[in-house]
Protein backbone atom coordinates (compact mmCIF):
# COMPACT_ATOMS: atom_id res chain seq x y z
CA MET A 1 13.01 -29.93 17.44
CA GLY A 2 12.82 -30.98 13.79
CA LYS A 3 14.20 -29.36 10.68
CA SER A 4 12.78 -26.06 9.59
CA VAL A 5 9.96 -25.96 7.07
CA LYS A 6 12.12 -23.93 4.70
CA THR A 7 14.85 -26.59 4.78
CA GLU A 8 12.26 -29.30 4.15
CA LEU A 9 10.74 -27.28 1.30
CA ASN A 10 14.13 -26.79 -0.35
CA LYS A 11 14.84 -30.51 -0.09
CA TYR A 12 11.41 -31.35 -1.54
CA LEU A 13 11.80 -28.92 -4.46
CA LYS A 14 15.24 -30.30 -5.37
CA GLU A 15 13.74 -33.76 -5.70
CA LEU A 16 11.02 -32.66 -8.15
CA SER A 17 11.36 -32.87 -11.92
CA ARG A 18 10.67 -29.81 -14.07
CA ALA A 19 7.17 -31.10 -14.89
CA GLU A 20 6.43 -31.68 -11.21
CA LEU A 21 7.65 -28.16 -10.36
CA GLU A 22 5.40 -26.71 -13.05
CA SER A 23 2.51 -28.69 -11.62
CA GLU A 24 3.22 -27.32 -8.12
CA VAL A 25 3.25 -23.72 -9.36
CA LYS A 26 0.01 -24.25 -11.30
CA LYS A 27 -1.60 -25.78 -8.23
CA LEU A 28 -0.58 -22.78 -6.10
CA TYR A 29 -1.80 -20.41 -8.82
CA SER A 30 -5.24 -22.00 -8.94
CA LYS A 31 -5.58 -22.46 -5.18
CA PHE A 32 -4.40 -19.11 -3.78
CA LYS A 33 -5.80 -15.74 -4.87
CA GLU A 34 -2.62 -13.92 -3.77
CA VAL A 35 -0.44 -16.12 -5.99
CA LYS A 36 -2.75 -15.49 -8.93
CA LYS A 37 -2.65 -11.71 -8.35
CA TYR A 38 1.13 -11.84 -7.97
CA TYR A 39 1.54 -13.47 -11.37
CA GLU A 40 -0.95 -11.05 -12.91
CA MET A 41 1.27 -8.23 -11.67
CA GLU A 42 4.41 -10.04 -12.82
CA PHE A 43 3.26 -10.69 -16.38
CA CYS A 44 1.22 -7.63 -17.26
CA GLU A 45 3.05 -4.62 -18.62
CA ASP A 46 0.56 -2.17 -17.15
CA THR A 47 -0.30 -2.68 -13.48
CA THR A 48 -2.82 0.16 -13.45
CA GLU A 49 -5.90 -2.07 -13.48
CA ILE A 50 -4.83 -4.08 -10.43
CA LEU A 51 -3.61 -0.95 -8.63
CA ASN A 52 -7.00 0.68 -9.28
CA GLU A 53 -8.73 -2.38 -7.86
CA TYR A 54 -6.87 -1.87 -4.57
CA LYS A 55 -7.45 1.89 -4.66
CA ASN A 56 -11.15 1.19 -5.00
CA LYS A 57 -11.05 -1.03 -1.89
CA ILE A 58 -9.55 1.88 0.05
CA LYS A 59 -12.05 4.34 -1.39
CA GLN A 60 -14.95 2.09 -0.36
CA GLU A 61 -13.75 2.20 3.24
CA TYR A 62 -13.88 6.01 3.29
CA PHE A 63 -16.50 6.84 0.66
CA PRO A 64 -18.77 3.87 -0.08
CA LYS A 65 -21.45 4.22 -2.74
CA ARG A 66 -24.11 4.06 -0.03
CA SER A 67 -24.08 5.36 3.50
CA PHE A 68 -21.14 6.90 5.30
CA GLY A 69 -17.59 5.62 5.26
CA ARG A 70 -16.34 3.76 8.30
CA ALA A 71 -12.73 4.96 7.99
CA ARG A 72 -11.29 1.99 9.85
CA ASN A 73 -7.50 2.19 9.90
CA SER A 74 -7.25 -1.60 10.17
CA VAL A 75 -9.18 -2.14 6.94
CA SER A 76 -7.25 0.32 4.78
CA LYS A 77 -3.92 -0.82 6.29
CA LYS A 78 -4.82 -4.42 5.42
CA VAL A 79 -5.50 -3.39 1.81
CA ILE A 80 -1.99 -1.91 1.70
CA SER A 81 -0.50 -5.00 3.34
CA ASP A 82 -2.26 -7.34 0.90
CA PHE A 83 -1.08 -5.24 -2.03
CA LYS A 84 2.53 -5.31 -0.85
CA LYS A 85 2.41 -9.12 -0.99
CA ILE A 86 1.63 -9.14 -4.70
CA SER A 87 3.30 -5.94 -5.86
CA ILE A 88 6.25 -6.17 -8.21
CA PHE A 89 7.04 -2.45 -8.40
CA GLN A 90 7.62 -0.24 -5.37
CA LYS A 91 6.21 2.65 -7.41
CA ASP A 92 2.78 1.01 -7.20
CA VAL A 93 3.09 0.72 -3.41
CA ILE A 94 3.94 4.43 -3.21
CA GLU A 95 0.89 5.24 -5.34
CA LEU A 96 -1.38 3.21 -3.06
CA LEU A 97 0.06 4.71 0.13
CA LEU A 98 -0.40 8.24 -1.18
CA TYR A 99 -3.91 7.38 -2.31
CA ARG A 100 -4.74 6.18 1.21
CA VAL A 101 -3.41 9.46 2.63
CA GLU A 102 -5.49 11.40 0.12
CA MET A 103 -8.67 9.48 1.04
CA MET A 104 -8.00 10.05 4.75
CA ILE A 105 -7.52 13.77 4.19
CA GLU A 106 -10.71 13.98 2.12
CA PHE A 107 -12.61 12.02 4.77
CA SER A 108 -11.46 14.41 7.48
CA GLN A 109 -12.38 17.40 5.34
CA ALA A 110 -15.83 15.94 4.66
CA TYR A 111 -16.69 14.78 8.17
CA GLY A 112 -14.61 16.95 10.47
CA ASP A 113 -12.14 16.12 13.19
CA ILE A 114 -11.67 12.37 13.66
CA ASN A 115 -9.25 11.15 16.39
CA GLY A 116 -5.58 10.81 17.23
CA SER A 117 -5.12 7.24 16.01
CA PHE A 118 -6.69 8.15 12.64
CA TYR A 119 -4.25 11.01 12.20
CA ASN A 120 -1.28 8.99 13.47
CA SER A 121 -2.07 6.39 10.82
CA LEU A 122 -2.38 9.10 8.16
CA GLU A 123 1.03 10.49 9.13
CA SER A 124 2.72 7.09 9.21
CA SER A 125 1.38 6.22 5.74
CA PHE A 126 2.64 9.53 4.41
CA GLU A 127 6.06 9.02 6.00
CA GLU A 128 6.26 5.48 4.61
CA ALA A 129 5.43 6.78 1.12
CA CYS A 130 8.07 9.52 1.41
CA LYS A 131 10.68 7.07 2.68
CA LEU A 132 9.97 4.62 -0.13
CA THR A 133 10.04 7.46 -2.65
CA SER A 134 13.49 8.42 -1.40
CA GLN A 135 14.77 4.83 -1.38
CA GLU A 136 13.56 4.31 -4.95
CA LYS A 137 14.93 7.71 -6.02
CA LEU A 138 11.53 8.84 -7.30
CA GLU A 139 11.51 12.27 -5.65
CA LYS A 140 10.99 14.13 -8.94
CA GLU A 141 7.95 12.01 -9.70
CA TYR A 142 6.20 12.37 -6.32
CA LYS A 143 7.43 15.65 -4.87
CA LYS A 144 4.53 17.70 -6.24
CA GLU A 145 1.90 15.20 -5.07
CA CYS A 146 3.42 15.00 -1.60
CA SER A 147 3.55 18.79 -1.37
CA ARG A 148 -0.12 18.98 -2.39
CA LEU A 149 -1.05 16.53 0.39
CA VAL A 150 0.90 18.52 2.97
CA ASP A 151 -0.84 21.72 1.86
CA ALA A 152 -4.24 20.03 2.09
CA THR A 153 -3.71 19.54 5.84
CA SER A 154 -2.83 23.17 6.62
CA ARG A 155 -6.00 23.64 8.71
CA PHE A 156 -5.92 20.26 10.47
CA GLY A 157 -5.47 19.93 14.19
CA TRP A 158 -3.69 17.16 16.09
CA GLY A 159 -0.30 18.29 14.66
CA VAL A 160 -1.08 16.57 11.35
CA HIS A 161 0.17 19.36 9.13
CA GLU A 162 3.38 19.64 11.13
CA GLY A 163 3.93 15.87 11.03
CA LEU A 164 3.47 15.71 7.26
CA SER A 165 5.67 18.79 6.84
CA TYR A 166 8.49 17.18 8.83
CA SER A 167 8.32 13.99 6.77
CA TYR A 168 8.27 16.02 3.57
CA GLU A 169 11.29 18.03 4.67
CA ASP A 170 13.18 14.93 5.78
CA TYR A 171 12.78 13.13 2.47
CA PHE A 172 12.56 15.97 -0.04
CA GLY A 173 15.00 18.34 1.66
CA GLU A 174 12.82 21.42 1.81
């Protein structure tokens, strides 16, 4: 078996001059949308516009302008996954995760009981947001929002309220 791609890449990059490296980065920037978005996040002081773009993608899955939302877990999870690839600040990831949870709660309130996999996905997004909040030491900033989301599920079945409550207690100590 040959050398790894990473080893070959490192070797290739070491051989390039500064101008050639700049050319490579510019080529990647113009060719790949993710690279462009990454640098937009890197160089703008306010990431709100890009974060709102991804929030809107999630909202369209649950509450499109026309018709009913499809509420596909795979679609909203992919939006989160794509955002994580370009995100510079974990705070923005937390915001998007909590927004997804909020949209899922609102969808369930609007259309009634969904199914177990929908609620499992809701709970795992909430837990991931709580865990990241704890790791980033942002409890003061997100505690109230997380508590509001837990309260919003008080009449849900499928053990959703209990699951969110456990995650909240685990990461916020209450």
